[in-house]
Amino acid sequence: MSDQYVADRIALMDVMATYAKGVDERDLKLYRSCFTDDVEVVGFGAETFHGGDAWTTYVTDALKQFGATQHMLGPQLATIDGDKAHCRTDVQAQHYMANDPKTTLTLWATYLTDMVRINGQWKIKRHELVSRGTRIQTDQ
């Protein structure tokens, strides 16, 4: 296992950790930095999103329905081929509803993410959400 492979694996995990941090801390500039300008995003509803700005605008609007969120990422599997990588990352995300903080939406899913290295930095080129299930729960 080469030093470059280890460095790439850590960098790929860091992209997804930054993704989660950007969403959960509502730092959409940080979140946007995870994506290529021409990213394709699928699985977050019926629409396919094209472009980092379009995707970030959608996420900014979608987050208005939630108060706090927490995206917990599982171990990542990655296949690296030069400046391209395919990653599989499991996620469990808690979403507290903004209009009813006692109600939470829990999502269990897998992210299938293609990344490319641009100027030495890994970026998300294609991002797909594969939902495994959701649960809405209201605390009494």
N, C-alpha and C. Protein backbone atom coordinates (compact mmCIF):
# COMPACT_ATOMS: atom_id res chain seq x y z
N MET A 1 0.85 -1.17 0.00
CA MET A 1 0.00 0.00 0.00
C MET A 1 0.90 1.24 0.00
N SER A 2 0.76 2.07 -1.01
CA SER A 2 1.64 3.22 -1.15
C SER A 2 1.20 4.39 -0.26
N ASP A 3 2.13 5.28 -0.01
CA ASP A 3 1.81 6.49 0.75
C ASP A 3 0.75 7.31 0.03
N GLN A 4 0.81 7.36 -1.31
CA GLN A 4 -0.17 8.13 -2.09
C GLN A 4 -1.57 7.54 -1.93
N TYR A 5 -1.66 6.21 -1.95
CA TYR A 5 -2.96 5.56 -1.76
C TYR A 5 -3.55 5.92 -0.41
N VAL A 6 -2.74 5.85 0.63
CA VAL A 6 -3.22 6.19 1.98
C VAL A 6 -3.65 7.65 2.04
N ALA A 7 -2.85 8.53 1.47
CA ALA A 7 -3.20 9.96 1.45
C ALA A 7 -4.50 10.19 0.69
N ASP A 8 -4.69 9.50 -0.43
CA ASP A 8 -5.92 9.64 -1.20
C ASP A 8 -7.13 9.14 -0.43
N ARG A 9 -6.98 8.00 0.24
CA ARG A 9 -8.10 7.45 1.03
C ARG A 9 -8.52 8.44 2.11
N ILE A 10 -7.56 9.02 2.80
CA ILE A 10 -7.88 10.00 3.84
C ILE A 10 -8.54 11.22 3.22
N ALA A 11 -8.02 11.69 2.09
CA ALA A 11 -8.59 12.87 1.43
C ALA A 11 -10.02 12.61 0.96
N LEU A 12 -10.31 11.42 0.45
CA LEU A 12 -11.66 11.08 0.02
C LEU A 12 -12.62 11.08 1.21
N MET A 13 -12.21 10.51 2.32
CA MET A 13 -13.04 10.53 3.52
C MET A 13 -13.25 11.96 4.01
N ASP A 14 -12.21 12.79 3.90
CA ASP A 14 -12.32 14.18 4.33
C ASP A 14 -13.34 14.95 3.48
N VAL A 15 -13.43 14.64 2.19
CA VAL A 15 -14.44 15.31 1.36
C VAL A 15 -15.84 15.03 1.92
N MET A 16 -16.11 13.79 2.25
CA MET A 16 -17.44 13.46 2.75
C MET A 16 -17.67 14.02 4.16
N ALA A 17 -16.64 14.05 4.99
CA ALA A 17 -16.77 14.66 6.32
C ALA A 17 -17.03 16.16 6.18
N THR A 18 -16.39 16.80 5.21
CA THR A 18 -16.62 18.22 4.95
C THR A 18 -18.03 18.44 4.44
N TYR A 19 -18.50 17.55 3.58
CA TYR A 19 -19.88 17.57 3.08
C TYR A 19 -20.85 17.58 4.27
N ALA A 20 -20.68 16.64 5.20
CA ALA A 20 -21.57 16.55 6.36
C ALA A 20 -21.45 17.80 7.25
N LYS A 21 -20.25 18.25 7.48
CA LYS A 21 -20.04 19.44 8.30
C LYS A 21 -20.70 20.66 7.67
N GLY A 22 -20.53 20.82 6.36
CA GLY A 22 -21.12 21.96 5.67
C GLY A 22 -22.63 22.00 5.82
N VAL A 23 -23.28 20.86 5.67
CA VAL A 23 -24.74 20.79 5.81
C VAL A 23 -25.14 21.04 7.27
N ASP A 24 -24.54 20.32 8.18
CA ASP A 24 -24.96 20.38 9.58
C ASP A 24 -24.67 21.72 10.24
N GLU A 25 -23.61 22.39 9.81
CA GLU A 25 -23.29 23.70 10.37
C GLU A 25 -23.81 24.84 9.51
N ARG A 26 -24.53 24.48 8.45
CA ARG A 26 -25.12 25.45 7.51
C ARG A 26 -24.06 26.37 6.92
N ASP A 27 -22.91 25.79 6.67
CA ASP A 27 -21.83 26.52 6.00
C ASP A 27 -21.88 26.08 4.53
N LEU A 28 -22.76 26.73 3.77
CA LEU A 28 -23.00 26.31 2.40
C LEU A 28 -21.84 26.65 1.47
N LYS A 29 -21.02 27.61 1.84
CA LYS A 29 -19.80 27.88 1.05
C LYS A 29 -18.84 26.69 1.19
N LEU A 30 -18.68 26.20 2.41
CA LEU A 30 -17.85 25.01 2.64
C LEU A 30 -18.45 23.81 1.90
N TYR A 31 -19.75 23.63 2.02
CA TYR A 31 -20.45 22.53 1.36
C TYR A 31 -20.22 22.59 -0.15
N ARG A 32 -20.40 23.76 -0.74
CA ARG A 32 -20.23 23.94 -2.19
C ARG A 32 -18.81 23.58 -2.64
N SER A 33 -17.84 23.80 -1.76
CA SER A 33 -16.44 23.53 -2.12
C SER A 33 -16.18 22.03 -2.34
N CYS A 34 -17.10 21.17 -1.96
CA CYS A 34 -16.94 19.73 -2.13
C CYS A 34 -17.20 19.27 -3.56
N PHE A 35 -17.83 20.11 -4.38
CA PHE A 35 -18.34 19.70 -5.68
C PHE A 35 -17.61 20.34 -6.84
N THR A 36 -17.55 19.62 -7.97
CA THR A 36 -17.09 20.22 -9.21
C THR A 36 -18.18 21.17 -9.70
N ASP A 37 -17.80 22.06 -10.59
CA ASP A 37 -18.78 22.99 -11.15
C ASP A 37 -19.85 22.27 -11.95
N ASP A 38 -19.51 21.12 -12.54
CA ASP A 38 -20.46 20.39 -13.39
C ASP A 38 -20.98 19.10 -12.74
N VAL A 39 -21.03 19.07 -11.42
CA VAL A 39 -21.48 17.87 -10.71
C VAL A 39 -22.89 17.48 -11.16
N GLU A 40 -23.15 16.17 -11.12
CA GLU A 40 -24.49 15.64 -11.33
C GLU A 40 -24.93 15.00 -10.02
N VAL A 41 -26.14 15.35 -9.56
CA VAL A 41 -26.65 14.83 -8.29
C VAL A 41 -28.00 14.18 -8.54
N VAL A 42 -28.14 12.92 -8.11
CA VAL A 42 -29.37 12.16 -8.33
C VAL A 42 -29.80 11.48 -7.04
N GLY A 43 -31.10 11.17 -6.97
CA GLY A 43 -31.64 10.40 -5.86
C GLY A 43 -32.20 11.23 -4.72
N PHE A 44 -32.14 12.54 -4.83
CA PHE A 44 -32.68 13.41 -3.78
C PHE A 44 -34.05 13.94 -4.22
N GLY A 45 -34.87 13.06 -4.75
CA GLY A 45 -36.15 13.43 -5.32
C GLY A 45 -36.16 13.05 -6.79
N ALA A 46 -37.18 13.50 -7.50
CA ALA A 46 -37.36 13.12 -8.90
C ALA A 46 -36.39 13.84 -9.83
N GLU A 47 -35.94 15.01 -9.44
CA GLU A 47 -35.10 15.83 -10.30
C GLU A 47 -33.63 15.42 -10.23
N THR A 48 -32.95 15.47 -11.36
CA THR A 48 -31.49 15.34 -11.40
C THR A 48 -30.93 16.75 -11.45
N PHE A 49 -29.95 17.02 -10.62
CA PHE A 49 -29.35 18.35 -10.54
C PHE A 49 -28.04 18.36 -11.31
N HIS A 50 -27.82 19.45 -12.04
CA HIS A 50 -26.60 19.61 -12.83
C HIS A 50 -25.94 20.91 -12.39
N GLY A 51 -24.73 20.80 -11.87
CA GLY A 51 -23.96 21.97 -11.48
C GLY A 51 -23.94 22.19 -9.98
N GLY A 52 -22.76 22.54 -9.49
CA GLY A 52 -22.57 22.76 -8.05
C GLY A 52 -23.41 23.90 -7.52
N ASP A 53 -23.56 24.97 -8.28
CA ASP A 53 -24.36 26.10 -7.82
C ASP A 53 -25.83 25.74 -7.74
N ALA A 54 -26.35 25.06 -8.77
CA ALA A 54 -27.75 24.64 -8.76
C ALA A 54 -28.04 23.70 -7.60
N TRP A 55 -27.12 22.77 -7.34
CA TRP A 55 -27.31 21.82 -6.25
C TRP A 55 -27.29 22.53 -4.90
N THR A 56 -26.34 23.43 -4.72
CA THR A 56 -26.22 24.14 -3.44
C THR A 56 -27.44 25.03 -3.20
N THR A 57 -27.97 25.64 -4.25
CA THR A 57 -29.20 26.43 -4.11
C THR A 57 -30.35 25.56 -3.66
N TYR A 58 -30.49 24.38 -4.25
CA TYR A 58 -31.54 23.45 -3.84
C TYR A 58 -31.38 23.06 -2.37
N VAL A 59 -30.17 22.72 -1.96
CA VAL A 59 -29.93 22.30 -0.57
C VAL A 59 -30.22 23.46 0.38
N THR A 60 -29.82 24.66 0.03
CA THR A 60 -30.09 25.83 0.87
C THR A 60 -31.58 25.97 1.11
N ASP A 61 -32.38 25.84 0.06
CA ASP A 61 -33.84 25.94 0.20
C ASP A 61 -34.41 24.76 0.99
N ALA A 62 -33.92 23.56 0.70
CA ALA A 62 -34.44 22.36 1.38
C ALA A 62 -34.17 22.40 2.88
N LEU A 63 -33.04 22.97 3.28
CA LEU A 63 -32.68 23.00 4.70
C LEU A 63 -33.58 23.92 5.52
N LYS A 64 -34.34 24.79 4.87
CA LYS A 64 -35.23 25.71 5.59
C LYS A 64 -36.30 24.97 6.37
N GLN A 65 -36.65 23.75 5.95
CA GLN A 65 -37.68 22.99 6.66
C GLN A 65 -37.15 22.30 7.92
N PHE A 66 -35.83 22.34 8.10
CA PHE A 66 -35.22 21.65 9.23
C PHE A 66 -34.56 22.63 10.19
N GLY A 67 -34.57 22.25 11.47
CA GLY A 67 -33.74 22.93 12.45
C GLY A 67 -32.38 22.27 12.38
N ALA A 68 -31.96 21.68 13.46
CA ALA A 68 -30.66 20.99 13.50
C ALA A 68 -30.70 19.72 12.66
N THR A 69 -29.55 19.39 12.09
CA THR A 69 -29.37 18.12 11.40
C THR A 69 -28.04 17.52 11.84
N GLN A 70 -27.94 16.21 11.71
CA GLN A 70 -26.67 15.54 11.97
C GLN A 70 -26.53 14.38 11.00
N HIS A 71 -25.50 14.44 10.17
CA HIS A 71 -25.21 13.40 9.19
C HIS A 71 -24.04 12.57 9.72
N MET A 72 -24.33 11.34 10.10
CA MET A 72 -23.30 10.44 10.62
C MET A 72 -22.90 9.47 9.52
N LEU A 73 -21.63 9.48 9.18
CA LEU A 73 -21.12 8.69 8.07
C LEU A 73 -20.49 7.40 8.56
N GLY A 74 -20.78 6.32 7.86
CA GLY A 74 -20.15 5.04 8.18
C GLY A 74 -18.82 4.93 7.45
N PRO A 75 -18.14 3.83 7.64
CA PRO A 75 -16.88 3.62 6.94
C PRO A 75 -17.08 3.72 5.43
N GLN A 76 -16.09 4.24 4.76
CA GLN A 76 -16.17 4.45 3.32
C GLN A 76 -15.36 3.38 2.59
N LEU A 77 -15.93 2.85 1.52
CA LEU A 77 -15.21 1.99 0.60
C LEU A 77 -14.86 2.84 -0.61
N ALA A 78 -13.65 2.70 -1.12
CA ALA A 78 -13.25 3.51 -2.26
C ALA A 78 -12.39 2.70 -3.22
N THR A 79 -12.60 2.94 -4.49
CA THR A 79 -11.75 2.41 -5.55
C THR A 79 -11.12 3.61 -6.23
N ILE A 80 -9.80 3.63 -6.28
CA ILE A 80 -9.07 4.77 -6.84
C ILE A 80 -8.36 4.32 -8.11
N ASP A 81 -8.53 5.13 -9.16
CA ASP A 81 -7.85 4.87 -10.43
C ASP A 81 -7.26 6.20 -10.91
N GLY A 82 -6.03 6.46 -10.51
CA GLY A 82 -5.38 7.72 -10.88
C GLY A 82 -6.06 8.90 -10.22
N ASP A 83 -6.62 9.78 -11.06
CA ASP A 83 -7.29 10.98 -10.55
C ASP A 83 -8.80 10.83 -10.49
N LYS A 84 -9.28 9.57 -10.49
CA LYS A 84 -10.70 9.28 -10.37
C LYS A 84 -10.91 8.29 -9.23
N ALA A 85 -12.03 8.43 -8.56
CA ALA A 85 -12.35 7.50 -7.47
C ALA A 85 -13.86 7.29 -7.41
N HIS A 86 -14.25 6.10 -7.01
CA HIS A 86 -15.65 5.79 -6.73
C HIS A 86 -15.74 5.42 -5.26
N CYS A 87 -16.65 6.07 -4.56
CA CYS A 87 -16.78 5.86 -3.11
C CYS A 87 -18.20 5.42 -2.77
N ARG A 88 -18.28 4.58 -1.76
CA ARG A 88 -19.56 4.15 -1.19
C ARG A 88 -19.50 4.49 0.28
N THR A 89 -20.44 5.33 0.73
CA THR A 89 -20.44 5.78 2.12
C THR A 89 -21.85 5.64 2.68
N ASP A 90 -22.00 4.89 3.76
CA ASP A 90 -23.30 4.80 4.42
C ASP A 90 -23.51 6.02 5.29
N VAL A 91 -24.78 6.44 5.41
CA VAL A 91 -25.12 7.63 6.18
C VAL A 91 -26.41 7.37 6.97
N GLN A 92 -26.43 7.88 8.19
CA GLN A 92 -27.66 7.99 8.96
C GLN A 92 -27.78 9.46 9.31
N ALA A 93 -28.87 10.06 8.90
CA ALA A 93 -29.04 11.51 9.09
C ALA A 93 -30.29 11.79 9.92
N GLN A 94 -30.10 12.57 10.97
CA GLN A 94 -31.19 13.05 11.81
C GLN A 94 -31.55 14.46 11.35
N HIS A 95 -32.83 14.71 11.17
CA HIS A 95 -33.31 16.03 10.77
C HIS A 95 -34.42 16.43 11.75
N TYR A 96 -34.20 17.50 12.50
CA TYR A 96 -35.23 18.03 13.39
C TYR A 96 -36.04 19.03 12.59
N MET A 97 -37.36 18.91 12.61
CA MET A 97 -38.22 19.77 11.82
C MET A 97 -38.22 21.18 12.41
N ALA A 98 -38.08 22.18 11.57
CA ALA A 98 -38.00 23.57 12.03
C ALA A 98 -39.30 24.03 12.68
N ASN A 99 -40.44 23.61 12.13
CA ASN A 99 -41.73 24.05 12.67
C ASN A 99 -42.23 23.18 13.81
N ASP A 100 -41.54 22.09 14.10
CA ASP A 100 -41.93 21.19 15.19
C ASP A 100 -40.69 20.44 15.68
N PRO A 101 -39.87 21.09 16.55
CA PRO A 101 -38.60 20.49 16.97
C PRO A 101 -38.73 19.15 17.69
N LYS A 102 -39.94 18.77 18.09
CA LYS A 102 -40.13 17.47 18.72
C LYS A 102 -40.29 16.36 17.69
N THR A 103 -40.37 16.73 16.42
CA THR A 103 -40.50 15.76 15.35
C THR A 103 -39.17 15.64 14.61
N THR A 104 -38.73 14.40 14.44
CA THR A 104 -37.49 14.15 13.72
C THR A 104 -37.74 13.21 12.54
N LEU A 105 -36.96 13.44 11.52
CA LEU A 105 -36.93 12.56 10.36
C LEU A 105 -35.56 11.91 10.36
N THR A 106 -35.54 10.59 10.38
CA THR A 106 -34.29 9.85 10.31
C THR A 106 -34.21 9.20 8.94
N LEU A 107 -33.07 9.37 8.30
CA LEU A 107 -32.81 8.77 6.99
C LEU A 107 -31.67 7.79 7.12
N TRP A 108 -31.85 6.60 6.56
CA TRP A 108 -30.77 5.63 6.41
C TRP A 108 -30.52 5.50 4.92
N ALA A 109 -29.27 5.68 4.51
CA ALA A 109 -29.00 5.69 3.07
C ALA A 109 -27.55 5.34 2.79
N THR A 110 -27.26 5.22 1.50
CA THR A 110 -25.91 5.04 1.00
C THR A 110 -25.65 6.12 -0.03
N TYR A 111 -24.49 6.76 0.09
CA TYR A 111 -24.03 7.70 -0.94
C TYR A 111 -23.11 6.94 -1.89
N LEU A 112 -23.41 7.01 -3.18
CA LEU A 112 -22.52 6.48 -4.21
C LEU A 112 -21.94 7.71 -4.90
N THR A 113 -20.67 7.91 -4.76
CA THR A 113 -20.05 9.17 -5.12
C THR A 113 -18.82 8.94 -6.00
N ASP A 114 -18.83 9.59 -7.15
CA ASP A 114 -17.65 9.60 -8.01
C ASP A 114 -16.91 10.90 -7.77
N MET A 115 -15.62 10.80 -7.55
CA MET A 115 -14.79 11.98 -7.31
C MET A 115 -13.67 12.05 -8.32
N VAL A 116 -13.21 13.28 -8.54
CA VAL A 116 -12.06 13.53 -9.40
C VAL A 116 -11.09 14.44 -8.66
N ARG A 117 -9.82 14.26 -8.99
CA ARG A 117 -8.80 15.12 -8.41
C ARG A 117 -8.56 16.29 -9.38
N ILE A 118 -8.76 17.51 -8.86
CA ILE A 118 -8.57 18.73 -9.65
C ILE A 118 -7.57 19.60 -8.91
N ASN A 119 -6.47 19.91 -9.57
CA ASN A 119 -5.42 20.72 -8.94
C ASN A 119 -5.03 20.20 -7.56
N GLY A 120 -4.95 18.87 -7.45
CA GLY A 120 -4.52 18.23 -6.21
C GLY A 120 -5.60 18.05 -5.17
N GLN A 121 -6.83 18.48 -5.44
CA GLN A 121 -7.93 18.37 -4.49
C GLN A 121 -9.01 17.44 -5.04
N TRP A 122 -9.50 16.55 -4.19
CA TRP A 122 -10.60 15.68 -4.58
C TRP A 122 -11.92 16.45 -4.50
N LYS A 123 -12.76 16.29 -5.53
CA LYS A 123 -14.07 16.94 -5.61
C LYS A 123 -15.10 15.92 -6.07
N ILE A 124 -16.34 16.13 -5.65
CA ILE A 124 -17.44 15.26 -6.05
C ILE A 124 -17.89 15.62 -7.46
N LYS A 125 -17.86 14.64 -8.35
CA LYS A 125 -18.24 14.81 -9.76
C LYS A 125 -19.66 14.30 -10.01
N ARG A 126 -20.02 13.21 -9.32
CA ARG A 126 -21.37 12.64 -9.39
C ARG A 126 -21.71 12.11 -8.01
N HIS A 127 -22.94 12.43 -7.58
CA HIS A 127 -23.34 12.06 -6.22
C HIS A 127 -24.75 11.49 -6.28
N GLU A 128 -24.90 10.29 -5.73
CA GLU A 128 -26.21 9.63 -5.76
C GLU A 128 -26.59 9.18 -4.35
N LEU A 129 -27.83 9.47 -3.99
CA LEU A 129 -28.39 9.01 -2.72
C LEU A 129 -29.23 7.77 -3.01
N VAL A 130 -28.92 6.67 -2.32
CA VAL A 130 -29.73 5.45 -2.39
C VAL A 130 -30.36 5.30 -1.01
N SER A 131 -31.63 5.62 -0.93
CA SER A 131 -32.34 5.58 0.36
C SER A 131 -32.58 4.14 0.77
N ARG A 132 -32.32 3.85 2.04
CA ARG A 132 -32.57 2.52 2.61
C ARG A 132 -33.85 2.53 3.45
N GLY A 133 -34.24 3.74 3.89
CA GLY A 133 -35.45 3.86 4.68
C GLY A 133 -35.48 5.18 5.43
N THR A 134 -36.68 5.56 5.84
CA THR A 134 -36.87 6.77 6.65
C THR A 134 -37.86 6.48 7.76
N ARG A 135 -37.77 7.29 8.79
CA ARG A 135 -38.73 7.19 9.90
C ARG A 135 -38.98 8.60 10.41
N ILE A 136 -40.25 8.93 10.61
CA ILE A 136 -40.62 10.19 11.24
C ILE A 136 -41.11 9.84 12.64
N GLN A 137 -40.57 10.52 13.62
CA GLN A 137 -40.90 10.22 15.01
C GLN A 137 -41.21 11.53 15.74
N THR A 138 -42.26 11.52 16.51
CA THR A 138 -42.64 12.67 17.32
C THR A 138 -42.52 12.30 18.79
N ASP A 139 -41.73 13.09 19.54
CA ASP A 139 -41.61 12.89 20.98
C ASP A 139 -42.88 13.41 21.64
N GLN A 140 -43.37 12.67 22.55
CA GLN A 140 -44.59 13.07 23.28
C GLN A 140 -44.28 13.91 24.48
